[in-house]
Amino acid sequence: MTRFAIFIEASGGEPCVPIVRHTMRALYAQGVTYWPFAASLTDLRDILKTLQQRNEKPSLFVLNTFGTEKILPTVDFLMGETPALFFRRQLYWLHEGGGESDAGSTHFSSILKKMTPRLTSVWRFGGANAQDVAQLAGRCIAQYLADGAFRHLEYQSQKRDFDLSDPHQAWQRTLGATT
């Protein structure tokens, strides 16, 4: 059985960092070339209908949650118990207390608690580190699709923030660090 993922990036018309598309590019660079992509609920339903006709099931759903709060309950129903990797946009200044509160995070957390129990990994990203996160996600998804071990996705989601001391992190390069 060939394992594959369905990628969903339906921001509801809001501008967003295309983390899912970046991840798909990273997968393509690793030779993973079959990945249905949905930009709306209609697309997702069509993909799932086609897969059902072929008697195929995805091994993973990869979803950018930014701007999808309204459709997440429907997406949850369509995903069933299939494992999922959620990309959660996090603004660094909110995380560090520069803003009031991250209402989106609370809202997403409450939606996540109500979702169907499944293997789930939530990866945080921001505009400055999206490329780095996508590259890492591409490698981890490729490993998961190769052997079916969800630990490849879980381990990386435990890394809350990218390391300030690592000169290869995009946001550190953005700050002009020379170390």
C-alpha atoms as a PDB file:
ATOM      1  CA  MET A   1       0.000   0.000   0.000  1.00  0.00           C
ATOM      2  CA  THR A   2       1.359   3.389  -0.983  1.00  0.00           C
ATOM      3  CA  ARG A   3       1.137   6.007   1.734  1.00  0.00           C
ATOM      4  CA  PHE A   4       0.246   9.557   0.765  1.00  0.00           C
ATOM      5  CA  ALA A   5      -0.949  12.762   2.381  1.00  0.00           C
ATOM      6  CA  ILE A   6      -3.688  15.234   1.516  1.00  0.00           C
ATOM      7  CA  PHE A   7      -2.628  18.860   1.866  1.00  0.00           C
ATOM      8  CA  ILE A   8      -5.136  21.557   2.788  1.00  0.00           C
ATOM      9  CA  GLU A   9      -4.554  25.296   2.704  1.00  0.00           C
ATOM     10  CA  ALA A  10      -7.910  27.059   2.759  1.00  0.00           C
ATOM     11  CA  SER A  11      -7.408  30.378   4.498  1.00  0.00           C
ATOM     12  CA  GLY A  12     -10.926  31.676   3.921  1.00  0.00           C
ATOM     13  CA  GLY A  13      -9.696  34.543   1.768  1.00  0.00           C
ATOM     14  CA  GLU A  14      -7.362  35.915   4.426  1.00  0.00           C
ATOM     15  CA  PRO A  15      -3.736  36.522   3.444  1.00  0.00           C
ATOM     16  CA  CYS A  16      -1.569  33.803   4.904  1.00  0.00           C
ATOM     17  CA  VAL A  17       1.892  32.341   4.729  1.00  0.00           C
ATOM     18  CA  PRO A  18       1.562  29.360   2.355  1.00  0.00           C
ATOM     19  CA  ILE A  19       3.282  26.917   4.702  1.00  0.00           C
ATOM     20  CA  VAL A  20       1.530  23.907   3.150  1.00  0.00           C
ATOM     21  CA  ARG A  21       2.677  24.849  -0.351  1.00  0.00           C
ATOM     22  CA  HIS A  22       6.221  25.362   0.947  1.00  0.00           C
ATOM     23  CA  THR A  23       6.057  21.903   2.520  1.00  0.00           C
ATOM     24  CA  MET A  24       4.849  20.372  -0.739  1.00  0.00           C
ATOM     25  CA  ARG A  25       7.853  21.911  -2.512  1.00  0.00           C
ATOM     26  CA  ALA A  26      10.157  20.414   0.114  1.00  0.00           C
ATOM     27  CA  LEU A  27       8.561  17.004  -0.408  1.00  0.00           C
ATOM     28  CA  TYR A  28       8.891  17.307  -4.172  1.00  0.00           C
ATOM     29  CA  ALA A  29      12.611  18.007  -3.722  1.00  0.00           C
ATOM     30  CA  GLN A  30      12.827  14.697  -1.842  1.00  0.00           C
ATOM     31  CA  GLY A  31      11.087  12.779  -4.601  1.00  0.00           C
ATOM     32  CA  VAL A  32       7.621  12.583  -3.022  1.00  0.00           C
ATOM     33  CA  THR A  33       5.385  13.522  -5.933  1.00  0.00           C
ATOM     34  CA  TYR A  34       1.846  12.376  -5.159  1.00  0.00           C
ATOM     35  CA  TRP A  35      -0.015  14.763  -2.902  1.00  0.00           C
ATOM     36  CA  PRO A  36      -3.579  15.887  -3.473  1.00  0.00           C
ATOM     37  CA  PHE A  37      -4.053  19.560  -2.599  1.00  0.00           C
ATOM     38  CA  ALA A  38      -7.288  21.210  -1.441  1.00  0.00           C
ATOM     39  CA  ALA A  39      -7.809  24.983  -1.351  1.00  0.00           C
ATOM     40  CA  SER A  40     -11.421  24.697  -0.145  1.00  0.00           C
ATOM     41  CA  LEU A  41     -13.919  22.311   1.393  1.00  0.00           C
ATOM     42  CA  THR A  42     -15.288  21.623  -2.084  1.00  0.00           C
ATOM     43  CA  ASP A  43     -11.813  20.586  -3.260  1.00  0.00           C
ATOM     44  CA  LEU A  44     -11.399  18.328  -0.225  1.00  0.00           C
ATOM     45  CA  ARG A  45     -14.764  16.650  -0.784  1.00  0.00           C
ATOM     46  CA  ASP A  46     -13.923  16.085  -4.469  1.00  0.00           C
ATOM     47  CA  ILE A  47     -10.547  14.575  -3.597  1.00  0.00           C
ATOM     48  CA  LEU A  48     -12.049  12.256  -0.998  1.00  0.00           C
ATOM     49  CA  LYS A  49     -14.813  11.199  -3.410  1.00  0.00           C
ATOM     50  CA  THR A  50     -12.237  10.355  -6.095  1.00  0.00           C
ATOM     51  CA  LEU A  51     -10.116   8.423  -3.600  1.00  0.00           C
ATOM     52  CA  GLN A  52     -13.158   6.497  -2.401  1.00  0.00           C
ATOM     53  CA  GLN A  53     -13.935   5.495  -5.998  1.00  0.00           C
ATOM     54  CA  ARG A  54     -10.357   4.212  -6.307  1.00  0.00           C
ATOM     55  CA  ASN A  55     -10.630   2.469  -2.936  1.00  0.00           C
ATOM     56  CA  GLU A  56      -7.706   4.520  -1.584  1.00  0.00           C
ATOM     57  CA  LYS A  57      -7.289   6.283   1.752  1.00  0.00           C
ATOM     58  CA  PRO A  58      -4.805   8.957   2.750  1.00  0.00           C
ATOM     59  CA  SER A  59      -2.256   8.195   5.452  1.00  0.00           C
ATOM     60  CA  LEU A  60      -2.052  11.790   6.662  1.00  0.00           C
ATOM     61  CA  PHE A  61      -3.777  15.146   6.431  1.00  0.00           C
ATOM     62  CA  VAL A  62      -1.580  18.260   6.488  1.00  0.00           C
ATOM     63  CA  LEU A  63      -3.486  21.464   7.227  1.00  0.00           C
ATOM     64  CA  ASN A  64      -2.632  25.142   7.661  1.00  0.00           C
ATOM     65  CA  THR A  65      -5.061  26.157  10.408  1.00  0.00           C
ATOM     66  CA  PHE A  66      -4.691  29.904   9.866  1.00  0.00           C
ATOM     67  CA  GLY A  67      -8.112  31.305   8.979  1.00  0.00           C
ATOM     68  CA  THR A  68      -9.812  27.894   8.972  1.00  0.00           C
ATOM     69  CA  GLU A  69     -11.634  28.068  12.308  1.00  0.00           C
ATOM     70  CA  LYS A  70     -15.029  28.063  10.585  1.00  0.00           C
ATOM     71  CA  ILE A  71     -14.339  24.998   8.452  1.00  0.00           C
ATOM     72  CA  LEU A  72     -12.306  22.931  10.940  1.00  0.00           C
ATOM     73  CA  PRO A  73     -15.330  21.029  12.312  1.00  0.00           C
ATOM     74  CA  THR A  74     -16.293  19.957   8.778  1.00  0.00           C
ATOM     75  CA  VAL A  75     -12.690  19.093   7.895  1.00  0.00           C
ATOM     76  CA  ASP A  76     -12.520  17.097  11.127  1.00  0.00           C
ATOM     77  CA  PHE A  77     -15.543  15.057  10.074  1.00  0.00           C
ATOM     78  CA  LEU A  78     -14.101  14.444   6.597  1.00  0.00           C
ATOM     79  CA  MET A  79     -10.709  13.359   8.002  1.00  0.00           C
ATOM     80  CA  GLY A  80     -12.214  10.705  10.262  1.00  0.00           C
ATOM     81  CA  GLU A  81      -9.510   9.045  12.354  1.00  0.00           C
ATOM     82  CA  THR A  82      -6.701   9.620   9.841  1.00  0.00           C
ATOM     83  CA  PRO A  83      -3.587  11.129  11.471  1.00  0.00           C
ATOM     84  CA  ALA A  84      -3.097  14.873  11.019  1.00  0.00           C
ATOM     85  CA  LEU A  85      -0.355  17.454  11.073  1.00  0.00           C
ATOM     86  CA  PHE A  86      -1.658  20.949  11.790  1.00  0.00           C
ATOM     87  CA  PHE A  87       0.395  24.041  11.095  1.00  0.00           C
ATOM     88  CA  ARG A  88      -0.493  26.725  13.653  1.00  0.00           C
ATOM     89  CA  ARG A  89       0.563  30.289  12.914  1.00  0.00           C
ATOM     90  CA  GLN A  90       2.163  31.910  15.929  1.00  0.00           C
ATOM     91  CA  LEU A  91       3.187  35.503  16.075  1.00  0.00           C
ATOM     92  CA  TYR A  92       6.385  35.793  18.087  1.00  0.00           C
ATOM     93  CA  TRP A  93       5.435  39.085  19.749  1.00  0.00           C
ATOM     94  CA  LEU A  94       2.214  37.527  21.064  1.00  0.00           C
ATOM     95  CA  HIS A  95       4.110  34.535  22.392  1.00  0.00           C
ATOM     96  CA  GLU A  96       6.569  36.755  24.229  1.00  0.00           C
ATOM     97  CA  GLY A  97       3.919  39.042  25.728  1.00  0.00           C
ATOM     98  CA  GLY A  98       4.251  41.978  23.323  1.00  0.00           C
ATOM     99  CA  GLY A  99       0.570  41.753  22.459  1.00  0.00           C
ATOM    100  CA  GLU A 100      -2.484  41.285  24.580  1.00  0.00           C
ATOM    101  CA  SER A 101      -3.486  37.680  24.009  1.00  0.00           C
ATOM    102  CA  ASP A 102      -3.498  35.201  21.206  1.00  0.00           C
ATOM    103  CA  ALA A 103      -7.251  34.669  20.943  1.00  0.00           C
ATOM    104  CA  GLY A 104      -6.739  32.523  17.850  1.00  0.00           C
ATOM    105  CA  SER A 105      -4.631  30.086  19.823  1.00  0.00           C
ATOM    106  CA  THR A 106      -7.309  29.735  22.487  1.00  0.00           C
ATOM    107  CA  HIS A 107      -9.935  29.295  19.810  1.00  0.00           C
ATOM    108  CA  PHE A 108      -7.891  26.690  17.927  1.00  0.00           C
ATOM    109  CA  SER A 109      -7.150  24.865  21.171  1.00  0.00           C
ATOM    110  CA  SER A 110     -10.834  24.649  22.034  1.00  0.00           C
ATOM    111  CA  ILE A 111     -11.667  23.386  18.534  1.00  0.00           C
ATOM    112  CA  LEU A 112      -8.848  20.821  18.723  1.00  0.00           C
ATOM    113  CA  LYS A 113     -10.218  19.461  22.007  1.00  0.00           C
ATOM    114  CA  LYS A 114     -13.590  18.827  20.342  1.00  0.00           C
ATOM    115  CA  MET A 115     -12.133  17.068  17.306  1.00  0.00           C
ATOM    116  CA  THR A 116     -12.170  13.335  16.605  1.00  0.00           C
ATOM    117  CA  PRO A 117      -9.430  11.521  18.520  1.00  0.00           C
ATOM    118  CA  ARG A 118      -6.570  10.773  16.112  1.00  0.00           C
ATOM    119  CA  LEU A 119      -2.803  10.920  16.014  1.00  0.00           C
ATOM    120  CA  THR A 120      -2.200  14.676  15.902  1.00  0.00           C
ATOM    121  CA  SER A 121       0.850  16.884  15.729  1.00  0.00           C
ATOM    122  CA  VAL A 122       0.695  20.681  15.883  1.00  0.00           C
ATOM    123  CA  TRP A 123       3.635  22.623  14.471  1.00  0.00           C
ATOM    124  CA  ARG A 124       3.975  26.354  15.086  1.00  0.00           C
ATOM    125  CA  PHE A 125       5.376  28.723  12.508  1.00  0.00           C
ATOM    126  CA  GLY A 126       5.630  32.405  11.700  1.00  0.00           C
ATOM    127  CA  GLY A 127       6.258  34.418   8.577  1.00  0.00           C
ATOM    128  CA  ALA A 128      10.015  34.583   9.151  1.00  0.00           C
ATOM    129  CA  ASN A 129      10.608  30.893   9.856  1.00  0.00           C
ATOM    130  CA  ALA A 130       8.026  29.348   7.502  1.00  0.00           C
ATOM    131  CA  GLN A 131      10.636  28.136   5.006  1.00  0.00           C
ATOM    132  CA  ASP A 132      12.682  26.428   7.721  1.00  0.00           C
ATOM    133  CA  VAL A 133       9.606  24.811   9.270  1.00  0.00           C
ATOM    134  CA  ALA A 134       8.401  23.672   5.827  1.00  0.00           C
ATOM    135  CA  GLN A 135      11.788  22.105   5.017  1.00  0.00           C
ATOM    136  CA  LEU A 136      11.811  20.210   8.308  1.00  0.00           C
ATOM    137  CA  ALA A 137       8.166  19.188   7.878  1.00  0.00           C
ATOM    138  CA  GLY A 138       8.912  17.927   4.375  1.00  0.00           C
ATOM    139  CA  ARG A 139      11.690  15.688   5.688  1.00  0.00           C
ATOM    140  CA  CYS A 140       9.534  14.392   8.561  1.00  0.00           C
ATOM    141  CA  ILE A 141       6.481  13.779   6.355  1.00  0.00           C
ATOM    142  CA  ALA A 142       8.642  11.896   3.850  1.00  0.00           C
ATOM    143  CA  GLN A 143       9.929   9.687   6.685  1.00  0.00           C
ATOM    144  CA  TYR A 144       6.385   9.113   7.946  1.00  0.00           C
ATOM    145  CA  LEU A 145       5.128   8.209   4.469  1.00  0.00           C
ATOM    146  CA  ALA A 146       8.058   5.816   4.025  1.00  0.00           C
ATOM    147  CA  ASP A 147       7.592   3.819   7.219  1.00  0.00           C
ATOM    148  CA  GLY A 148       4.265   4.887   8.792  1.00  0.00           C
ATOM    149  CA  ALA A 149       5.861   5.783  12.140  1.00  0.00           C
ATOM    150  CA  PHE A 150       4.043   8.860  13.467  1.00  0.00           C
ATOM    151  CA  ARG A 151       6.923   9.552  15.861  1.00  0.00           C
ATOM    152  CA  HIS A 152       8.694  11.383  13.008  1.00  0.00           C
ATOM    153  CA  LEU A 153       6.010  14.068  13.211  1.00  0.00           C
ATOM    154  CA  GLU A 154       5.492  14.011  16.981  1.00  0.00           C
ATOM    155  CA  TYR A 155       9.121  14.509  17.925  1.00  0.00           C
ATOM    156  CA  GLN A 156       9.506  17.667  15.886  1.00  0.00           C
ATOM    157  CA  SER A 157       6.268  19.187  17.167  1.00  0.00           C
ATOM    158  CA  GLN A 158       7.727  19.095  20.675  1.00  0.00           C
ATOM    159  CA  LYS A 159      10.316  21.651  19.612  1.00  0.00           C
ATOM    160  CA  ARG A 160       8.356  24.723  20.536  1.00  0.00           C
ATOM    161  CA  ASP A 161      10.513  27.411  18.991  1.00  0.00           C
ATOM    162  CA  PHE A 162      13.501  27.429  16.721  1.00  0.00           C
ATOM    163  CA  ASP A 163      16.830  27.819  18.467  1.00  0.00           C
ATOM    164  CA  LEU A 164      18.164  31.399  18.758  1.00  0.00           C
ATOM    165  CA  SER A 165      21.735  30.125  18.863  1.00  0.00           C
ATOM    166  CA  ASP A 166      21.337  28.336  15.515  1.00  0.00           C
ATOM    167  CA  PRO A 167      22.654  30.698  12.799  1.00  0.00           C
ATOM    168  CA  HIS A 168      20.670  28.808  10.164  1.00  0.00           C
ATOM    169  CA  GLN A 169      17.288  29.875  11.514  1.00  0.00           C
ATOM    170  CA  ALA A 170      15.507  32.221   9.121  1.00  0.00           C
ATOM    171  CA  TRP A 171      14.321  34.690  11.716  1.00  0.00           C
ATOM    172  CA  GLN A 172      17.812  35.002  13.184  1.00  0.00           C
ATOM    173  CA  ARG A 173      19.135  35.722   9.688  1.00  0.00           C
ATOM    174  CA  THR A 174      16.358  38.310   9.399  1.00  0.00           C
ATOM    175  CA  LEU A 175      17.666  39.981  12.565  1.00  0.00           C
ATOM    176  CA  GLY A 176      21.123  40.101  11.019  1.00  0.00           C
ATOM    177  CA  ALA A 177      22.922  37.794  13.424  1.00  0.00           C
ATOM    178  CA  THR A 178      26.471  36.987  12.355  1.00  0.00           C
ATOM    179  CA  THR A 179      27.230  34.002  14.617  1.00  0.00           C
END
